[in-house]
Amino acid sequence: MRPMKPRPGAQLLTVKAAACEYGLPEGMLRDLVHGGELRAIQPPGKRRIFIVRQDLLAKLDQWVVPTIP
């Protein structure tokens, strides 16, 4: 399998690219996908899954800790 080139701004990210770009562990992203908390795309006949960038950003927004005034 050939290595994927980074594509800034791409709508779909491999788990590895998402982990690298957002500083999250790959295992955590896979757990979120398999637990149904994060939507992913798997093209027919392919093993690789792709995370939808907008869904990942929405999940990260949910995790933001509110500031205390």
C-alpha atoms as a PDB file:
ATOM      1  CA  MET A   1       0.000   0.000   0.000  1.00  0.00           C
ATOM      2  CA  ARG A   2       1.416   3.372  -0.927  1.00  0.00           C
ATOM      3  CA  PRO A   3       1.577   6.123   1.712  1.00  0.00           C
ATOM      4  CA  MET A   4      -1.116   8.784   1.651  1.00  0.00           C
ATOM      5  CA  LYS A   5      -0.047  12.361   0.980  1.00  0.00           C
ATOM      6  CA  PRO A   6      -1.273  14.981   3.478  1.00  0.00           C
ATOM      7  CA  ARG A   7      -4.126  16.974   1.997  1.00  0.00           C
ATOM      8  CA  PRO A   8      -4.890  20.034   4.114  1.00  0.00           C
ATOM      9  CA  GLY A   9      -8.562  20.894   4.013  1.00  0.00           C
ATOM     10  CA  ALA A  10      -9.657  17.495   2.690  1.00  0.00           C
ATOM     11  CA  GLN A  11     -13.193  16.520   3.695  1.00  0.00           C
ATOM     12  CA  LEU A  12     -12.208  12.926   4.449  1.00  0.00           C
ATOM     13  CA  LEU A  13      -9.235  11.912   6.586  1.00  0.00           C
ATOM     14  CA  THR A  14      -7.712   8.541   7.238  1.00  0.00           C
ATOM     15  CA  VAL A  15      -7.596   7.622  10.907  1.00  0.00           C
ATOM     16  CA  LYS A  16      -3.820   8.077  10.844  1.00  0.00           C
ATOM     17  CA  ALA A  17      -4.052  11.510   9.174  1.00  0.00           C
ATOM     18  CA  ALA A  18      -6.759  12.658  11.606  1.00  0.00           C
ATOM     19  CA  ALA A  19      -4.686  11.488  14.568  1.00  0.00           C
ATOM     20  CA  CYS A  20      -1.621  13.303  13.278  1.00  0.00           C
ATOM     21  CA  GLU A  21      -3.433  16.511  12.345  1.00  0.00           C
ATOM     22  CA  TYR A  22      -5.445  16.840  15.564  1.00  0.00           C
ATOM     23  CA  GLY A  23      -3.010  15.248  18.024  1.00  0.00           C
ATOM     24  CA  LEU A  24      -5.353  12.435  19.059  1.00  0.00           C
ATOM     25  CA  PRO A  25      -4.470   8.757  19.502  1.00  0.00           C
ATOM     26  CA  GLU A  26      -5.451   6.522  16.575  1.00  0.00           C
ATOM     27  CA  GLY A  27      -6.960   3.973  18.947  1.00  0.00           C
ATOM     28  CA  MET A  28      -9.242   6.594  20.450  1.00  0.00           C
ATOM     29  CA  LEU A  29     -10.497   7.628  17.008  1.00  0.00           C
ATOM     30  CA  ARG A  30     -11.122   3.998  16.056  1.00  0.00           C
ATOM     31  CA  ASP A  31     -13.034   3.455  19.320  1.00  0.00           C
ATOM     32  CA  LEU A  32     -15.199   6.513  18.593  1.00  0.00           C
ATOM     33  CA  VAL A  33     -15.959   5.218  15.097  1.00  0.00           C
ATOM     34  CA  HIS A  34     -16.724   1.662  16.221  1.00  0.00           C
ATOM     35  CA  GLY A  35     -18.818   2.963  19.125  1.00  0.00           C
ATOM     36  CA  GLY A  36     -20.950   5.031  16.742  1.00  0.00           C
ATOM     37  CA  GLU A  37     -19.887   8.364  18.241  1.00  0.00           C
ATOM     38  CA  LEU A  38     -17.979   9.469  15.143  1.00  0.00           C
ATOM     39  CA  ARG A  39     -19.174   8.928  11.581  1.00  0.00           C
ATOM     40  CA  ALA A  40     -16.794   7.342   9.119  1.00  0.00           C
ATOM     41  CA  ILE A  41     -16.872   6.333   5.475  1.00  0.00           C
ATOM     42  CA  GLN A  42     -15.659   2.970   4.172  1.00  0.00           C
ATOM     43  CA  PRO A  43     -15.625   2.716   0.376  1.00  0.00           C
ATOM     44  CA  PRO A  44     -16.920  -0.614  -0.987  1.00  0.00           C
ATOM     45  CA  GLY A  45     -14.209  -3.240  -1.241  1.00  0.00           C
ATOM     46  CA  LYS A  46     -11.720  -1.248   0.859  1.00  0.00           C
ATOM     47  CA  ARG A  47     -10.455  -1.942   4.377  1.00  0.00           C
ATOM     48  CA  ARG A  48      -9.459   1.646   5.094  1.00  0.00           C
ATOM     49  CA  ILE A  49     -11.953   3.911   6.805  1.00  0.00           C
ATOM     50  CA  PHE A  50     -12.117   7.653   6.428  1.00  0.00           C
ATOM     51  CA  ILE A  51     -13.293  10.084   9.083  1.00  0.00           C
ATOM     52  CA  VAL A  52     -15.475  12.985   7.994  1.00  0.00           C
ATOM     53  CA  ARG A  53     -13.581  16.138   9.011  1.00  0.00           C
ATOM     54  CA  GLN A  54     -16.729  18.124   9.883  1.00  0.00           C
ATOM     55  CA  ASP A  55     -17.920  15.346  12.209  1.00  0.00           C
ATOM     56  CA  LEU A  56     -14.541  15.228  13.947  1.00  0.00           C
ATOM     57  CA  LEU A  57     -14.566  19.011  14.401  1.00  0.00           C
ATOM     58  CA  ALA A  58     -18.104  18.838  15.818  1.00  0.00           C
ATOM     59  CA  LYS A  59     -16.988  16.114  18.266  1.00  0.00           C
ATOM     60  CA  LEU A  60     -14.027  18.240  19.348  1.00  0.00           C
ATOM     61  CA  ASP A  61     -16.356  21.212  19.917  1.00  0.00           C
ATOM     62  CA  GLN A  62     -18.422  19.047  22.272  1.00  0.00           C
ATOM     63  CA  TRP A  63     -15.304  18.378  24.343  1.00  0.00           C
ATOM     64  CA  VAL A  64     -14.406  22.035  24.901  1.00  0.00           C
ATOM     65  CA  VAL A  65     -14.214  22.820  28.599  1.00  0.00           C
ATOM     66  CA  PRO A  66     -16.261  25.923  29.452  1.00  0.00           C
ATOM     67  CA  THR A  67     -14.314  28.780  30.955  1.00  0.00           C
ATOM     68  CA  ILE A  68     -15.065  29.822  34.497  1.00  0.00           C
ATOM     69  CA  PRO A  69     -15.820  33.548  34.787  1.00  0.00           C
END
